Amino acid sequence: MGRVFDFAKRRIAGYIVFWILVLLFVGFFYNGNQPAQAAWLFVLFLAFIGSLLYTRRMKRRQRARRQAAEQSGGR
């Protein structure tokens, strides 16, 4: 259970930092241009979702490798 909670804490902290940086970036560079802000937020939101899907896939593969190693008697 320790690995799961460590991963969850890192992921939540990463989400918070990511969105703070996104909002600061968009607010700083597109401070008064509402359509540009909306477009950049949409693009960054899509990138964020893509990142989530990719990390989910990586964790699934890592879990499968770990289980295969344990079954084969490795480690």
N, C-alpha and C. Protein backbone atom coordinates (compact mmCIF):
# COMPACT_ATOMS: atom_id res chain seq x y z
N MET A 1 0.81 -1.19 0.00
CA MET A 1 0.00 0.00 0.00
C MET A 1 0.86 1.26 0.00
N GLY A 2 2.07 1.17 0.46
CA GLY A 2 2.93 2.35 0.53
C GLY A 2 3.22 2.94 -0.84
N ARG A 3 3.47 2.08 -1.82
CA ARG A 3 3.76 2.56 -3.18
C ARG A 3 2.55 3.28 -3.77
N VAL A 4 1.36 2.76 -3.50
CA VAL A 4 0.15 3.36 -4.06
C VAL A 4 -0.05 4.76 -3.50
N PHE A 5 0.10 4.91 -2.19
CA PHE A 5 -0.10 6.22 -1.58
C PHE A 5 0.99 7.20 -1.99
N ASP A 6 2.23 6.72 -2.12
CA ASP A 6 3.30 7.60 -2.58
C ASP A 6 3.03 8.09 -3.99
N PHE A 7 2.59 7.19 -4.85
CA PHE A 7 2.28 7.57 -6.21
C PHE A 7 1.12 8.56 -6.24
N ALA A 8 0.09 8.31 -5.44
CA ALA A 8 -1.08 9.20 -5.40
C ALA A 8 -0.68 10.59 -4.92
N LYS A 9 0.16 10.66 -3.90
CA LYS A 9 0.60 11.97 -3.40
C LYS A 9 1.40 12.72 -4.45
N ARG A 10 2.29 12.03 -5.14
CA ARG A 10 3.08 12.68 -6.19
C ARG A 10 2.19 13.15 -7.33
N ARG A 11 1.21 12.34 -7.68
CA ARG A 11 0.32 12.69 -8.79
C ARG A 11 -0.55 13.90 -8.43
N ILE A 12 -1.09 13.93 -7.22
CA ILE A 12 -1.91 15.06 -6.79
C ILE A 12 -1.06 16.32 -6.72
N ALA A 13 0.14 16.22 -6.17
CA ALA A 13 1.02 17.38 -6.11
C ALA A 13 1.37 17.84 -7.53
N GLY A 14 1.59 16.91 -8.43
CA GLY A 14 1.88 17.27 -9.82
C GLY A 14 0.71 17.98 -10.48
N TYR A 15 -0.52 17.54 -10.20
CA TYR A 15 -1.70 18.20 -10.75
C TYR A 15 -1.78 19.64 -10.27
N ILE A 16 -1.58 19.82 -8.98
CA ILE A 16 -1.68 21.17 -8.40
C ILE A 16 -0.63 22.08 -8.99
N VAL A 17 0.60 21.63 -9.05
CA VAL A 17 1.68 22.45 -9.61
C VAL A 17 1.42 22.74 -11.08
N PHE A 18 0.98 21.74 -11.84
CA PHE A 18 0.70 21.92 -13.25
C PHE A 18 -0.33 23.01 -13.47
N TRP A 19 -1.45 22.95 -12.76
CA TRP A 19 -2.51 23.93 -12.99
C TRP A 19 -2.15 25.31 -12.47
N ILE A 20 -1.36 25.41 -11.42
CA ILE A 20 -0.88 26.72 -10.98
C ILE A 20 -0.01 27.33 -12.06
N LEU A 21 0.90 26.55 -12.61
CA LEU A 21 1.77 27.05 -13.67
C LEU A 21 0.98 27.43 -14.92
N VAL A 22 -0.02 26.63 -15.27
CA VAL A 22 -0.86 26.94 -16.43
C VAL A 22 -1.57 28.28 -16.23
N LEU A 23 -2.18 28.45 -15.08
CA LEU A 23 -2.93 29.68 -14.83
C LEU A 23 -2.01 30.89 -14.79
N LEU A 24 -0.83 30.75 -14.21
CA LEU A 24 0.13 31.85 -14.20
C LEU A 24 0.60 32.19 -15.61
N PHE A 25 0.89 31.17 -16.40
CA PHE A 25 1.34 31.36 -17.78
C PHE A 25 0.28 32.07 -18.61
N VAL A 26 -0.93 31.56 -18.56
CA VAL A 26 -2.01 32.14 -19.36
C VAL A 26 -2.33 33.55 -18.87
N GLY A 27 -2.38 33.75 -17.57
CA GLY A 27 -2.66 35.08 -17.03
C GLY A 27 -1.59 36.09 -17.36
N PHE A 28 -0.35 35.67 -17.38
CA PHE A 28 0.75 36.59 -17.65
C PHE A 28 0.84 36.96 -19.13
N PHE A 29 0.75 35.97 -20.01
CA PHE A 29 0.94 36.23 -21.43
C PHE A 29 -0.32 36.70 -22.16
N TYR A 30 -1.48 36.33 -21.65
CA TYR A 30 -2.72 36.68 -22.35
C TYR A 30 -3.66 37.43 -21.43
N ASN A 31 -3.11 38.43 -20.73
CA ASN A 31 -3.85 39.13 -19.69
C ASN A 31 -4.97 39.98 -20.26
N GLY A 32 -5.75 40.01 -20.93
CA GLY A 32 -6.81 40.89 -21.37
C GLY A 32 -7.43 40.37 -22.64
N ASN A 33 -6.86 39.34 -23.19
CA ASN A 33 -7.36 38.78 -24.44
C ASN A 33 -8.12 37.49 -24.11
N GLN A 34 -9.41 37.63 -23.84
CA GLN A 34 -10.21 36.49 -23.38
C GLN A 34 -10.26 35.32 -24.37
N PRO A 35 -10.43 35.55 -25.69
CA PRO A 35 -10.44 34.39 -26.60
C PRO A 35 -9.11 33.64 -26.60
N ALA A 36 -8.01 34.35 -26.53
CA ALA A 36 -6.70 33.68 -26.50
C ALA A 36 -6.55 32.87 -25.21
N GLN A 37 -7.03 33.42 -24.10
CA GLN A 37 -6.95 32.68 -22.83
C GLN A 37 -7.76 31.39 -22.92
N ALA A 38 -8.96 31.49 -23.47
CA ALA A 38 -9.82 30.30 -23.57
C ALA A 38 -9.18 29.25 -24.47
N ALA A 39 -8.61 29.69 -25.58
CA ALA A 39 -7.99 28.73 -26.50
C ALA A 39 -6.79 28.04 -25.86
N TRP A 40 -5.93 28.80 -25.17
CA TRP A 40 -4.77 28.19 -24.53
C TRP A 40 -5.16 27.26 -23.40
N LEU A 41 -6.18 27.65 -22.64
CA LEU A 41 -6.64 26.76 -21.57
C LEU A 41 -7.18 25.46 -22.15
N PHE A 42 -7.88 25.54 -23.26
CA PHE A 42 -8.40 24.33 -23.90
C PHE A 42 -7.26 23.44 -24.38
N VAL A 43 -6.27 24.02 -25.02
CA VAL A 43 -5.12 23.25 -25.52
C VAL A 43 -4.38 22.61 -24.35
N LEU A 44 -4.15 23.37 -23.28
CA LEU A 44 -3.44 22.83 -22.13
C LEU A 44 -4.27 21.77 -21.41
N PHE A 45 -5.58 21.93 -21.40
CA PHE A 45 -6.45 20.91 -20.82
C PHE A 45 -6.34 19.61 -21.60
N LEU A 46 -6.32 19.70 -22.92
CA LEU A 46 -6.15 18.50 -23.74
C LEU A 46 -4.79 17.84 -23.48
N ALA A 47 -3.75 18.66 -23.34
CA ALA A 47 -2.43 18.12 -23.04
C ALA A 47 -2.42 17.44 -21.68
N PHE A 48 -3.11 18.01 -20.72
CA PHE A 48 -3.19 17.45 -19.39
C PHE A 48 -3.89 16.09 -19.42
N ILE A 49 -5.01 16.00 -20.14
CA ILE A 49 -5.73 14.73 -20.27
C ILE A 49 -4.84 13.69 -20.96
N GLY A 50 -4.13 14.11 -22.00
CA GLY A 50 -3.21 13.19 -22.67
C GLY A 50 -2.13 12.69 -21.73
N SER A 51 -1.62 13.57 -20.89
CA SER A 51 -0.62 13.19 -19.92
C SER A 51 -1.17 12.18 -18.92
N LEU A 52 -2.39 12.40 -18.46
CA LEU A 52 -3.01 11.45 -17.54
C LEU A 52 -3.16 10.07 -18.17
N LEU A 53 -3.61 10.05 -19.40
CA LEU A 53 -3.79 8.77 -20.08
C LEU A 53 -2.45 8.07 -20.28
N TYR A 54 -1.43 8.82 -20.62
CA TYR A 54 -0.11 8.23 -20.84
C TYR A 54 0.47 7.67 -19.53
N THR A 55 0.34 8.42 -18.43
CA THR A 55 0.87 7.92 -17.16
C THR A 55 0.08 6.70 -16.68
N ARG A 56 -1.22 6.68 -16.95
CA ARG A 56 -2.01 5.50 -16.61
C ARG A 56 -1.50 4.28 -17.35
N ARG A 57 -1.21 4.47 -18.62
CA ARG A 57 -0.69 3.37 -19.44
C ARG A 57 0.68 2.91 -18.93
N MET A 58 1.53 3.86 -18.56
CA MET A 58 2.85 3.52 -18.04
C MET A 58 2.72 2.72 -16.74
N LYS A 59 1.82 3.14 -15.85
CA LYS A 59 1.65 2.43 -14.59
C LYS A 59 1.12 1.01 -14.82
N ARG A 60 0.21 0.86 -15.79
CA ARG A 60 -0.32 -0.46 -16.11
C ARG A 60 0.79 -1.38 -16.60
N ARG A 61 1.63 -0.86 -17.50
CA ARG A 61 2.75 -1.67 -18.01
C ARG A 61 3.74 -2.00 -16.91
N GLN A 62 4.02 -1.04 -16.04
CA GLN A 62 4.94 -1.28 -14.93
C GLN A 62 4.38 -2.36 -14.00
N ARG A 63 3.09 -2.29 -13.71
CA ARG A 63 2.45 -3.29 -12.86
C ARG A 63 2.54 -4.67 -13.50
N ALA A 64 2.31 -4.75 -14.82
CA ALA A 64 2.38 -6.04 -15.52
C ALA A 64 3.80 -6.59 -15.49
N ARG A 65 4.81 -5.73 -15.69
CA ARG A 65 6.21 -6.19 -15.62
C ARG A 65 6.55 -6.68 -14.22
N ARG A 66 6.08 -5.96 -13.21
CA ARG A 66 6.36 -6.34 -11.83
C ARG A 66 5.73 -7.69 -11.51
N GLN A 67 4.49 -7.90 -11.94
CA GLN A 67 3.83 -9.18 -11.69
C GLN A 67 4.52 -10.32 -12.44
N ALA A 68 4.96 -10.07 -13.66
CA ALA A 68 5.66 -11.10 -14.43
C ALA A 68 6.98 -11.45 -13.76
N ALA A 69 7.67 -10.46 -13.24
CA ALA A 69 8.94 -10.72 -12.56
C ALA A 69 8.73 -11.52 -11.27
N GLU A 70 7.66 -11.19 -10.55
CA GLU A 70 7.38 -11.93 -9.33
C GLU A 70 6.98 -13.38 -9.63
N GLN A 71 6.24 -13.59 -10.70
CA GLN A 71 5.82 -14.96 -11.06
C GLN A 71 6.98 -15.79 -11.56
N SER A 72 7.93 -15.15 -12.21
CA SER A 72 9.06 -15.90 -12.75
C SER A 72 10.13 -16.14 -11.69
N GLY A 73 9.91 -15.61 -10.49
CA GLY A 73 10.85 -15.86 -9.42
C GLY A 73 11.99 -14.88 -9.37
N GLY A 74 11.90 -13.80 -10.12
CA GLY A 74 12.94 -12.78 -10.10
C GLY A 74 12.85 -11.94 -8.85
N ARG A 75 13.85 -11.09 -8.67
CA ARG A 75 13.98 -10.19 -7.52
C ARG A 75 14.31 -10.92 -6.30
